[in-house]
Amino acid sequence: MKNILFFGDSLTAGYGLLNVSLESLPALIQAKIMTDKLPYHVINAGVSGETSAGGLARIDLLLTKPVDVFVLELGANDILRGIPPQTTAANLQAIVNKVKARHPQAKLVLLGMELPQWIPGAFAGAFRAVFKQIAQANHMAFVPFLLEGVAGVAHLNLRDGLHPTAVGYQIIAGKVWPVIRPLLNEVDESWKS
């Protein structure tokens, strides 16, 4: 059995869902894996409120077990706290560096985040660029905006307007799965060689 590690914040953890083990993004990806009868176990390593700095501080603990696919989803809380984009970029790159050093064969995925449209100026553009640059520099499979089609849609989010509902996560999983699925074939091929 091979491992897919989802490493992120409340959007990975499944904050506010009635049944995280069935409705969170990692759980929905696990369900798709089971439907396709693939030998992968999804690990939900999401922590609500996590920043990129917090992720960097705890990543080593999670790299002691085998990781075949690493899915990185951090940055939304950095945005909310006004952390400079260059700080977020440095933390995300440091996390990726640790994964590469410990598990050089692991396939890498980055789930990007964008600022809401109503936040003007260069800050929004700079944050958007962080995720694209990290993905390109590290040859990561990339979802540019994790919440595309869900953010700002009232019935797809909890009352806080920030966290998706179970239906919202189904939409998100439908966009993330086509990015992850081809990597599983690549992992299988690398294990054979």
N, C-alpha and C. Protein backbone atom coordinates (compact mmCIF):
# COMPACT_ATOMS: atom_id res chain seq x y z
N MET A 1 0.85 -1.19 0.00
CA MET A 1 0.00 0.00 0.00
C MET A 1 0.89 1.25 0.00
N LYS A 2 0.60 2.17 -0.90
CA LYS A 2 1.37 3.40 -1.02
C LYS A 2 0.59 4.55 -0.37
N ASN A 3 1.32 5.58 0.05
CA ASN A 3 0.71 6.66 0.81
C ASN A 3 0.63 7.97 0.03
N ILE A 4 -0.52 8.61 0.14
CA ILE A 4 -0.71 9.98 -0.35
C ILE A 4 -0.91 10.85 0.89
N LEU A 5 0.00 11.78 1.10
CA LEU A 5 -0.06 12.65 2.27
C LEU A 5 -0.64 14.01 1.86
N PHE A 6 -1.82 14.31 2.39
CA PHE A 6 -2.43 15.64 2.22
C PHE A 6 -1.99 16.48 3.42
N PHE A 7 -1.22 17.52 3.15
CA PHE A 7 -0.63 18.34 4.20
C PHE A 7 -1.15 19.77 4.06
N GLY A 8 -1.97 20.19 5.03
CA GLY A 8 -2.54 21.52 4.87
C GLY A 8 -3.20 22.06 6.11
N ASP A 9 -4.13 22.98 5.87
CA ASP A 9 -4.83 23.68 6.95
C ASP A 9 -6.27 23.16 7.05
N SER A 10 -7.20 24.03 7.45
CA SER A 10 -8.59 23.60 7.65
C SER A 10 -9.25 23.11 6.37
N LEU A 11 -8.77 23.57 5.22
CA LEU A 11 -9.34 23.13 3.94
C LEU A 11 -8.98 21.67 3.65
N THR A 12 -7.89 21.21 4.23
CA THR A 12 -7.53 19.79 4.17
C THR A 12 -8.19 19.04 5.32
N ALA A 13 -8.15 19.63 6.51
CA ALA A 13 -8.69 18.96 7.70
C ALA A 13 -10.19 18.70 7.58
N GLY A 14 -10.90 19.57 6.86
CA GLY A 14 -12.35 19.41 6.73
C GLY A 14 -13.11 20.14 7.83
N TYR A 15 -12.60 21.28 8.22
CA TYR A 15 -13.22 22.08 9.28
C TYR A 15 -14.72 22.28 9.04
N GLY A 16 -15.51 22.03 10.08
CA GLY A 16 -16.94 22.30 10.04
C GLY A 16 -17.80 21.22 9.40
N LEU A 17 -17.19 20.18 8.86
CA LEU A 17 -17.97 19.12 8.24
C LEU A 17 -18.56 18.19 9.30
N LEU A 18 -19.71 17.64 9.02
CA LEU A 18 -20.34 16.71 9.97
C LEU A 18 -19.57 15.40 10.07
N ASN A 19 -18.99 14.95 8.95
CA ASN A 19 -18.27 13.68 8.93
C ASN A 19 -17.00 13.82 8.11
N VAL A 20 -15.94 14.26 8.77
CA VAL A 20 -14.65 14.50 8.10
C VAL A 20 -14.15 13.25 7.39
N SER A 21 -14.37 12.08 8.00
CA SER A 21 -13.83 10.84 7.43
C SER A 21 -14.53 10.44 6.13
N LEU A 22 -15.64 11.10 5.80
CA LEU A 22 -16.33 10.83 4.54
C LEU A 22 -16.41 12.04 3.62
N GLU A 23 -16.40 13.25 4.18
CA GLU A 23 -16.73 14.45 3.40
C GLU A 23 -15.55 15.37 3.10
N SER A 24 -14.42 15.21 3.80
CA SER A 24 -13.27 16.10 3.55
C SER A 24 -12.64 15.79 2.19
N LEU A 25 -11.82 16.71 1.72
CA LEU A 25 -11.14 16.50 0.44
C LEU A 25 -10.31 15.21 0.44
N PRO A 26 -9.46 14.97 1.45
CA PRO A 26 -8.72 13.70 1.44
C PRO A 26 -9.63 12.48 1.43
N ALA A 27 -10.74 12.53 2.16
CA ALA A 27 -11.67 11.39 2.20
C ALA A 27 -12.30 11.16 0.83
N LEU A 28 -12.66 12.23 0.15
CA LEU A 28 -13.26 12.10 -1.18
C LEU A 28 -12.27 11.54 -2.19
N ILE A 29 -11.00 11.95 -2.07
CA ILE A 29 -9.96 11.39 -2.95
C ILE A 29 -9.76 9.90 -2.63
N GLN A 30 -9.80 9.54 -1.35
CA GLN A 30 -9.69 8.13 -0.97
C GLN A 30 -10.84 7.32 -1.58
N ALA A 31 -12.03 7.88 -1.58
CA ALA A 31 -13.19 7.18 -2.16
C ALA A 31 -12.97 6.95 -3.66
N LYS A 32 -12.42 7.93 -4.35
CA LYS A 32 -12.15 7.78 -5.79
C LYS A 32 -11.09 6.71 -6.03
N ILE A 33 -10.09 6.67 -5.15
CA ILE A 33 -9.04 5.65 -5.23
C ILE A 33 -9.64 4.25 -5.05
N MET A 34 -10.54 4.12 -4.10
CA MET A 34 -11.17 2.83 -3.85
C MET A 34 -12.05 2.41 -5.03
N THR A 35 -12.74 3.37 -5.62
CA THR A 35 -13.57 3.08 -6.79
C THR A 35 -12.71 2.54 -7.93
N ASP A 36 -11.52 3.13 -8.10
CA ASP A 36 -10.60 2.69 -9.16
C ASP A 36 -9.74 1.49 -8.74
N LYS A 37 -9.94 1.02 -7.50
CA LYS A 37 -9.20 -0.15 -6.98
C LYS A 37 -7.68 0.05 -7.05
N LEU A 38 -7.24 1.19 -6.58
CA LEU A 38 -5.81 1.51 -6.59
C LEU A 38 -5.22 1.28 -5.19
N PRO A 39 -3.94 0.88 -5.11
CA PRO A 39 -3.34 0.53 -3.82
C PRO A 39 -2.77 1.74 -3.08
N TYR A 40 -3.63 2.71 -2.77
CA TYR A 40 -3.18 3.93 -2.09
C TYR A 40 -4.00 4.20 -0.85
N HIS A 41 -3.29 4.68 0.18
CA HIS A 41 -3.92 5.10 1.42
C HIS A 41 -3.71 6.61 1.55
N VAL A 42 -4.80 7.35 1.74
CA VAL A 42 -4.72 8.80 1.88
C VAL A 42 -4.62 9.15 3.37
N ILE A 43 -3.66 10.00 3.69
CA ILE A 43 -3.46 10.48 5.06
C ILE A 43 -3.88 11.95 5.11
N ASN A 44 -4.82 12.25 5.99
CA ASN A 44 -5.27 13.63 6.17
C ASN A 44 -4.44 14.26 7.28
N ALA A 45 -3.48 15.10 6.89
CA ALA A 45 -2.61 15.79 7.84
C ALA A 45 -2.94 17.28 7.83
N GLY A 46 -4.23 17.58 7.83
CA GLY A 46 -4.67 18.97 7.88
C GLY A 46 -4.85 19.42 9.32
N VAL A 47 -4.46 20.66 9.60
CA VAL A 47 -4.62 21.26 10.92
C VAL A 47 -5.27 22.62 10.74
N SER A 48 -6.44 22.80 11.31
CA SER A 48 -7.15 24.07 11.17
C SER A 48 -6.32 25.21 11.75
N GLY A 49 -6.28 26.32 11.02
CA GLY A 49 -5.54 27.50 11.44
C GLY A 49 -4.07 27.48 11.06
N GLU A 50 -3.60 26.42 10.44
CA GLU A 50 -2.19 26.28 10.10
C GLU A 50 -1.73 27.33 9.10
N THR A 51 -0.58 27.93 9.38
CA THR A 51 0.08 28.83 8.44
C THR A 51 1.21 28.06 7.76
N SER A 52 1.83 28.68 6.78
CA SER A 52 2.97 28.03 6.13
C SER A 52 4.11 27.84 7.13
N ALA A 53 4.29 28.78 8.07
CA ALA A 53 5.33 28.65 9.09
C ALA A 53 5.01 27.48 10.03
N GLY A 54 3.74 27.34 10.41
CA GLY A 54 3.34 26.22 11.25
C GLY A 54 3.56 24.90 10.54
N GLY A 55 3.25 24.86 9.26
CA GLY A 55 3.47 23.65 8.48
C GLY A 55 4.94 23.28 8.43
N LEU A 56 5.77 24.28 8.22
CA LEU A 56 7.21 24.03 8.17
C LEU A 56 7.71 23.47 9.51
N ALA A 57 7.14 23.95 10.60
CA ALA A 57 7.56 23.48 11.93
C ALA A 57 7.16 22.04 12.19
N ARG A 58 6.09 21.54 11.56
CA ARG A 58 5.62 20.17 11.88
C ARG A 58 5.84 19.15 10.77
N ILE A 59 6.35 19.55 9.61
CA ILE A 59 6.46 18.62 8.49
C ILE A 59 7.37 17.43 8.79
N ASP A 60 8.45 17.65 9.53
CA ASP A 60 9.41 16.55 9.77
C ASP A 60 8.75 15.35 10.45
N LEU A 61 7.80 15.61 11.34
CA LEU A 61 7.12 14.51 12.05
C LEU A 61 6.37 13.59 11.10
N LEU A 62 5.88 14.16 10.00
CA LEU A 62 5.07 13.39 9.07
C LEU A 62 5.89 12.68 8.00
N LEU A 63 7.16 13.01 7.91
CA LEU A 63 8.00 12.43 6.85
C LEU A 63 8.73 11.18 7.31
N THR A 64 8.43 10.72 8.52
CA THR A 64 9.07 9.50 9.01
C THR A 64 8.48 8.25 8.37
N LYS A 65 7.26 8.36 7.84
CA LYS A 65 6.62 7.24 7.15
C LYS A 65 6.77 7.44 5.64
N PRO A 66 6.63 6.35 4.85
CA PRO A 66 6.74 6.49 3.40
C PRO A 66 5.70 7.47 2.83
N VAL A 67 6.14 8.27 1.87
CA VAL A 67 5.26 9.21 1.16
C VAL A 67 5.50 9.01 -0.33
N ASP A 68 4.48 8.60 -1.04
CA ASP A 68 4.60 8.38 -2.48
C ASP A 68 4.06 9.57 -3.28
N VAL A 69 3.03 10.22 -2.73
CA VAL A 69 2.48 11.44 -3.33
C VAL A 69 2.28 12.43 -2.19
N PHE A 70 2.80 13.63 -2.37
CA PHE A 70 2.70 14.68 -1.35
C PHE A 70 1.85 15.82 -1.91
N VAL A 71 0.74 16.10 -1.23
CA VAL A 71 -0.19 17.16 -1.66
C VAL A 71 -0.09 18.30 -0.65
N LEU A 72 0.39 19.44 -1.10
CA LEU A 72 0.61 20.60 -0.23
C LEU A 72 -0.51 21.62 -0.42
N GLU A 73 -1.17 21.95 0.68
CA GLU A 73 -2.27 22.93 0.67
C GLU A 73 -2.10 23.84 1.87
N LEU A 74 -1.31 24.88 1.71
CA LEU A 74 -1.12 25.88 2.76
C LEU A 74 -1.04 27.26 2.12
N GLY A 75 -1.37 28.27 2.90
CA GLY A 75 -1.25 29.65 2.41
C GLY A 75 -2.48 30.50 2.66
N ALA A 76 -3.65 29.86 2.79
CA ALA A 76 -4.87 30.64 3.00
C ALA A 76 -4.80 31.43 4.31
N ASN A 77 -4.28 30.82 5.37
CA ASN A 77 -4.19 31.53 6.64
C ASN A 77 -3.10 32.60 6.62
N ASP A 78 -2.08 32.40 5.81
CA ASP A 78 -1.08 33.46 5.63
C ASP A 78 -1.75 34.69 5.02
N ILE A 79 -2.61 34.46 4.02
CA ILE A 79 -3.33 35.55 3.37
C ILE A 79 -4.18 36.29 4.41
N LEU A 80 -4.94 35.53 5.19
CA LEU A 80 -5.84 36.13 6.18
C LEU A 80 -5.09 36.91 7.25
N ARG A 81 -3.86 36.51 7.53
CA ARG A 81 -3.08 37.18 8.58
C ARG A 81 -2.15 38.25 8.03
N GLY A 82 -2.19 38.48 6.73
CA GLY A 82 -1.37 39.53 6.13
C GLY A 82 0.12 39.22 6.10
N ILE A 83 0.46 37.96 6.12
CA ILE A 83 1.87 37.55 6.05
C ILE A 83 2.38 37.88 4.64
N PRO A 84 3.56 38.48 4.52
CA PRO A 84 4.07 38.85 3.20
C PRO A 84 4.19 37.64 2.27
N PRO A 85 3.81 37.80 1.01
CA PRO A 85 3.88 36.68 0.06
C PRO A 85 5.26 36.04 -0.03
N GLN A 86 6.32 36.85 0.09
CA GLN A 86 7.67 36.28 -0.01
C GLN A 86 7.98 35.37 1.18
N THR A 87 7.39 35.65 2.35
CA THR A 87 7.55 34.78 3.52
C THR A 87 6.83 33.45 3.28
N THR A 88 5.62 33.54 2.76
CA THR A 88 4.87 32.33 2.44
C THR A 88 5.64 31.49 1.42
N ALA A 89 6.16 32.13 0.40
CA ALA A 89 6.91 31.42 -0.64
C ALA A 89 8.12 30.70 -0.04
N ALA A 90 8.85 31.38 0.83
CA ALA A 90 10.04 30.77 1.44
C ALA A 90 9.65 29.56 2.29
N ASN A 91 8.56 29.68 3.04
CA ASN A 91 8.11 28.56 3.88
C ASN A 91 7.65 27.38 3.04
N LEU A 92 6.86 27.64 1.99
CA LEU A 92 6.39 26.57 1.13
C LEU A 92 7.57 25.86 0.46
N GLN A 93 8.54 26.64 -0.01
CA GLN A 93 9.71 26.03 -0.66
C GLN A 93 10.50 25.18 0.34
N ALA A 94 10.61 25.66 1.57
CA ALA A 94 11.33 24.90 2.59
C ALA A 94 10.62 23.57 2.90
N ILE A 95 9.29 23.60 2.91
CA ILE A 95 8.52 22.36 3.11
C ILE A 95 8.79 21.38 1.96
N VAL A 96 8.72 21.89 0.74
CA VAL A 96 8.98 21.05 -0.44
C VAL A 96 10.40 20.48 -0.39
N ASN A 97 11.36 21.31 0.01
CA ASN A 97 12.75 20.85 0.10
C ASN A 97 12.88 19.68 1.07
N LYS A 98 12.18 19.76 2.21
CA LYS A 98 12.24 18.69 3.20
C LYS A 98 11.63 17.39 2.65
N VAL A 99 10.52 17.54 1.92
CA VAL A 99 9.89 16.34 1.33
C VAL A 99 10.82 15.72 0.30
N LYS A 100 11.42 16.54 -0.55
CA LYS A 100 12.33 16.03 -1.58
C LYS A 100 13.54 15.34 -0.96
N ALA A 101 14.05 15.91 0.12
CA ALA A 101 15.24 15.33 0.76
C ALA A 101 14.92 13.97 1.38
N ARG A 102 13.76 13.86 1.99
CA ARG A 102 13.39 12.63 2.70
C ARG A 102 12.79 11.58 1.76
N HIS A 103 12.04 12.04 0.76
CA HIS A 103 11.35 11.13 -0.16
C HIS A 103 11.55 11.61 -1.60
N PRO A 104 12.76 11.45 -2.14
CA PRO A 104 13.07 12.01 -3.46
C PRO A 104 12.21 11.47 -4.60
N GLN A 105 11.62 10.28 -4.44
CA GLN A 105 10.79 9.71 -5.50
C GLN A 105 9.33 10.17 -5.43
N ALA A 106 8.97 10.87 -4.38
CA ALA A 106 7.56 11.27 -4.19
C ALA A 106 7.12 12.22 -5.30
N LYS A 107 5.91 12.01 -5.77
CA LYS A 107 5.27 12.94 -6.70
C LYS A 107 4.69 14.08 -5.88
N LEU A 108 4.78 15.30 -6.41
CA LEU A 108 4.41 16.49 -5.66
C LEU A 108 3.23 17.20 -6.30
N VAL A 109 2.30 17.65 -5.45
CA VAL A 109 1.10 18.38 -5.90
C VAL A 109 0.97 19.64 -5.06
N LEU A 110 0.65 20.76 -5.69
CA LEU A 110 0.41 22.01 -4.97
C LEU A 110 -1.01 22.47 -5.26
N LEU A 111 -1.75 22.72 -4.19
CA LEU A 111 -3.11 23.25 -4.30
C LEU A 111 -3.05 24.73 -3.97
N GLY A 112 -3.21 25.57 -4.99
CA GLY A 112 -3.03 27.00 -4.85
C GLY A 112 -4.22 27.72 -4.25
N MET A 113 -3.96 28.94 -3.83
CA MET A 113 -4.98 29.77 -3.22
C MET A 113 -4.92 31.16 -3.85
N GLU A 114 -6.06 31.81 -3.91
CA GLU A 114 -6.12 33.17 -4.42
C GLU A 114 -6.90 34.03 -3.43
N LEU A 115 -6.61 35.31 -3.47
CA LEU A 115 -7.36 36.27 -2.66
C LEU A 115 -8.72 36.52 -3.28
N PRO A 116 -9.70 36.84 -2.45
CA PRO A 116 -11.00 37.22 -3.00
C PRO A 116 -10.88 38.41 -3.96
N GLN A 117 -11.77 38.45 -4.94
CA GLN A 117 -11.73 39.51 -5.96
C GLN A 117 -11.83 40.90 -5.36
N TRP A 118 -12.49 41.03 -4.20
CA TRP A 118 -12.71 42.36 -3.63
C TRP A 118 -11.48 42.93 -2.95
N ILE A 119 -10.40 42.16 -2.84
CA ILE A 119 -9.16 42.70 -2.28
C ILE A 119 -8.31 43.22 -3.44
N PRO A 120 -8.14 44.56 -3.51
CA PRO A 120 -7.45 45.16 -4.64
C PRO A 120 -5.92 45.15 -4.48
N GLY A 121 -5.27 45.53 -5.55
CA GLY A 121 -3.86 45.86 -5.47
C GLY A 121 -2.89 44.74 -5.75
N ALA A 122 -1.62 45.08 -5.50
CA ALA A 122 -0.50 44.20 -5.85
C ALA A 122 -0.41 42.99 -4.93
N PHE A 123 -0.93 43.11 -3.71
CA PHE A 123 -0.84 42.00 -2.75
C PHE A 123 -1.51 40.74 -3.31
N ALA A 124 -2.69 40.92 -3.91
CA ALA A 124 -3.43 39.78 -4.47
C ALA A 124 -2.63 39.12 -5.59
N GLY A 125 -2.08 39.92 -6.47
CA GLY A 125 -1.28 39.38 -7.57
C GLY A 125 -0.02 38.69 -7.09
N ALA A 126 0.62 39.28 -6.08
CA ALA A 126 1.84 38.69 -5.54
C ALA A 126 1.56 37.34 -4.91
N PHE A 127 0.43 37.24 -4.21
CA PHE A 127 0.09 35.96 -3.59
C PHE A 127 -0.24 34.91 -4.63
N ARG A 128 -0.98 35.29 -5.65
CA ARG A 128 -1.31 34.36 -6.71
C ARG A 128 -0.03 33.82 -7.36
N ALA A 129 0.95 34.71 -7.55
CA ALA A 129 2.20 34.33 -8.21
C ALA A 129 3.01 33.35 -7.38
N VAL A 130 2.91 33.43 -6.05
CA VAL A 130 3.67 32.53 -5.17
C VAL A 130 3.43 31.08 -5.55
N PHE A 131 2.18 30.70 -5.67
CA PHE A 131 1.84 29.29 -5.89
C PHE A 131 2.31 28.83 -7.28
N LYS A 132 2.11 29.67 -8.26
CA LYS A 132 2.55 29.32 -9.62
C LYS A 132 4.06 29.13 -9.67
N GLN A 133 4.79 30.04 -9.02
CA GLN A 133 6.25 29.96 -9.03
C GLN A 133 6.76 28.71 -8.30
N ILE A 134 6.16 28.40 -7.15
CA ILE A 134 6.58 27.21 -6.40
C ILE A 134 6.30 25.95 -7.23
N ALA A 135 5.13 25.90 -7.84
CA ALA A 135 4.77 24.73 -8.65
C ALA A 135 5.73 24.55 -9.82
N GLN A 136 6.02 25.63 -10.52
CA GLN A 136 6.91 25.54 -11.69
C GLN A 136 8.33 25.19 -11.28
N ALA A 137 8.83 25.83 -10.22
CA ALA A 137 10.22 25.61 -9.79
C ALA A 137 10.46 24.18 -9.35
N ASN A 138 9.41 23.53 -8.86
CA ASN A 138 9.56 22.18 -8.31
C ASN A 138 8.89 21.09 -9.15
N HIS A 139 8.44 21.46 -10.35
CA HIS A 139 7.78 20.51 -11.26
C HIS A 139 6.63 19.79 -10.56
N MET A 140 5.80 20.57 -9.88
CA MET A 140 4.67 20.01 -9.12
C MET A 140 3.42 20.02 -9.99
N ALA A 141 2.61 18.99 -9.87
CA ALA A 141 1.27 19.05 -10.44
C ALA A 141 0.55 20.18 -9.69
N PHE A 142 -0.31 20.93 -10.39
CA PHE A 142 -0.76 22.20 -9.83
C PHE A 142 -2.24 22.44 -10.07
N VAL A 143 -2.95 22.77 -9.00
CA VAL A 143 -4.31 23.28 -9.08
C VAL A 143 -4.20 24.76 -8.70
N PRO A 144 -4.34 25.69 -9.66
CA PRO A 144 -4.07 27.10 -9.38
C PRO A 144 -4.92 27.70 -8.26
N PHE A 145 -6.21 27.36 -8.21
CA PHE A 145 -7.08 27.91 -7.18
C PHE A 145 -7.98 26.81 -6.66
N LEU A 146 -7.66 26.30 -5.48
CA LEU A 146 -8.37 25.17 -4.90
C LEU A 146 -9.88 25.41 -4.80
N LEU A 147 -10.27 26.63 -4.48
CA LEU A 147 -11.68 26.93 -4.22
C LEU A 147 -12.42 27.47 -5.44
N GLU A 148 -11.83 27.34 -6.61
CA GLU A 148 -12.49 27.83 -7.83
C GLU A 148 -13.87 27.18 -7.99
N GLY A 149 -14.87 28.02 -8.23
CA GLY A 149 -16.23 27.53 -8.41
C GLY A 149 -16.98 27.32 -7.11
N VAL A 150 -16.27 27.47 -5.98
CA VAL A 150 -16.88 27.27 -4.66
C VAL A 150 -16.79 28.55 -3.82
N ALA A 151 -15.65 29.22 -3.86
CA ALA A 151 -15.47 30.46 -3.10
C ALA A 151 -16.53 31.48 -3.50
N GLY A 152 -17.15 32.08 -2.50
CA GLY A 152 -18.13 33.13 -2.76
C GLY A 152 -19.52 32.63 -3.13
N VAL A 153 -19.71 31.31 -3.24
CA VAL A 153 -21.01 30.74 -3.56
C VAL A 153 -21.65 30.30 -2.24
N ALA A 154 -22.64 31.05 -1.79
CA ALA A 154 -23.17 30.91 -0.43
C ALA A 154 -23.54 29.47 -0.07
N HIS A 155 -24.30 28.79 -0.93
CA HIS A 155 -24.77 27.45 -0.56
C HIS A 155 -23.68 26.38 -0.59
N LEU A 156 -22.49 26.72 -1.09
CA LEU A 156 -21.38 25.77 -1.13
C LEU A 156 -20.39 25.99 0.02
N ASN A 157 -20.72 26.95 0.90
CA ASN A 157 -19.84 27.28 2.01
C ASN A 157 -20.61 27.30 3.32
N LEU A 158 -19.87 27.09 4.42
CA LEU A 158 -20.44 27.22 5.74
C LEU A 158 -20.81 28.68 5.98
N ARG A 159 -21.46 28.94 7.09
CA ARG A 159 -21.89 30.31 7.39
C ARG A 159 -20.74 31.30 7.45
N ASP A 160 -19.53 30.82 7.77
CA ASP A 160 -18.38 31.73 7.85
C ASP A 160 -17.95 32.25 6.48
N GLY A 161 -18.47 31.63 5.42
CA GLY A 161 -18.14 32.07 4.07
C GLY A 161 -16.73 31.69 3.62
N LEU A 162 -15.99 30.98 4.46
CA LEU A 162 -14.60 30.63 4.16
C LEU A 162 -14.39 29.15 3.91
N HIS A 163 -15.18 28.32 4.56
CA HIS A 163 -14.97 26.87 4.50
C HIS A 163 -16.09 26.19 3.72
N PRO A 164 -15.73 25.32 2.80
CA PRO A 164 -16.75 24.65 1.98
C PRO A 164 -17.64 23.70 2.79
N THR A 165 -18.83 23.50 2.27
CA THR A 165 -19.73 22.46 2.78
C THR A 165 -19.32 21.14 2.14
N ALA A 166 -20.01 20.07 2.55
CA ALA A 166 -19.74 18.75 1.95
C ALA A 166 -19.95 18.80 0.43
N VAL A 167 -20.98 19.51 -0.03
CA VAL A 167 -21.23 19.63 -1.47
C VAL A 167 -20.11 20.44 -2.13
N GLY A 168 -19.65 21.47 -1.44
CA GLY A 168 -18.52 22.25 -1.97
C GLY A 168 -17.29 21.41 -2.15
N TYR A 169 -17.01 20.55 -1.17
CA TYR A 169 -15.84 19.68 -1.28
C TYR A 169 -15.98 18.67 -2.42
N GLN A 170 -17.19 18.25 -2.73
CA GLN A 170 -17.37 17.34 -3.87
C GLN A 170 -16.95 18.03 -5.17
N ILE A 171 -17.28 19.31 -5.30
CA ILE A 171 -16.87 20.07 -6.48
C ILE A 171 -15.35 20.20 -6.52
N ILE A 172 -14.77 20.52 -5.37
CA ILE A 172 -13.30 20.66 -5.29
C ILE A 172 -12.62 19.34 -5.64
N ALA A 173 -13.10 18.24 -5.07
CA ALA A 173 -12.50 16.93 -5.35
C ALA A 173 -12.59 16.60 -6.84
N GLY A 174 -13.67 17.01 -7.47
CA GLY A 174 -13.82 16.78 -8.90
C GLY A 174 -12.79 17.51 -9.73
N LYS A 175 -12.21 18.58 -9.18
CA LYS A 175 -11.16 19.31 -9.89
C LYS A 175 -9.76 18.84 -9.49
N VAL A 176 -9.63 18.35 -8.27
CA VAL A 176 -8.32 17.90 -7.78
C VAL A 176 -7.99 16.49 -8.29
N TRP A 177 -8.98 15.61 -8.33
CA TRP A 177 -8.75 14.23 -8.74
C TRP A 177 -8.09 14.11 -10.12
N PRO A 178 -8.53 14.84 -11.14
CA PRO A 178 -7.87 14.70 -12.44
C PRO A 178 -6.40 15.15 -12.44
N VAL A 179 -6.00 15.93 -11.45
CA VAL A 179 -4.60 16.34 -11.33
C VAL A 179 -3.79 15.25 -10.63
N ILE A 180 -4.39 14.62 -9.63
CA ILE A 180 -3.68 13.59 -8.86
C ILE A 180 -3.66 12.23 -9.59
N ARG A 181 -4.75 11.88 -10.24
CA ARG A 181 -4.90 10.54 -10.82
C ARG A 181 -3.74 10.14 -11.74
N PRO A 182 -3.28 11.01 -12.67
CA PRO A 182 -2.17 10.59 -13.54
C PRO A 182 -0.88 10.31 -12.77
N LEU A 183 -0.69 10.98 -11.65
CA LEU A 183 0.53 10.76 -10.86
C LEU A 183 0.56 9.35 -10.28
N LEU A 184 -0.60 8.79 -10.02
CA LEU A 184 -0.64 7.45 -9.43
C LEU A 184 -0.13 6.41 -10.42
N ASN A 185 -0.39 6.63 -11.69
CA ASN A 185 0.18 5.75 -12.72
C ASN A 185 1.70 5.86 -12.75
N GLU A 186 2.20 7.12 -12.59
CA GLU A 186 3.65 7.34 -12.61
C GLU A 186 4.31 6.65 -11.42
N VAL A 187 3.68 6.72 -10.25
CA VAL A 187 4.24 6.05 -9.07
C VAL A 187 4.30 4.55 -9.31
N ASP A 188 3.22 4.00 -9.86
CA ASP A 188 3.19 2.56 -10.13
C ASP A 188 4.32 2.16 -11.09
N GLU A 189 4.57 2.98 -12.10
CA GLU A 189 5.64 2.68 -13.05
C GLU A 189 7.00 2.76 -12.38
N SER A 190 7.20 3.76 -11.51
CA SER A 190 8.51 3.89 -10.84
C SER A 190 8.76 2.72 -9.89
N TRP A 191 7.72 2.15 -9.32
CA TRP A 191 7.88 1.01 -8.41
C TRP A 191 8.28 -0.24 -9.20
N LYS A 192 7.84 -0.33 -10.44
CA LYS A 192 8.15 -1.52 -11.26
C LYS A 192 9.60 -1.50 -11.73
N SER A 193 10.15 -0.29 -11.90
CA SER A 193 11.51 -0.21 -12.47
C SER A 193 12.59 -0.39 -11.42
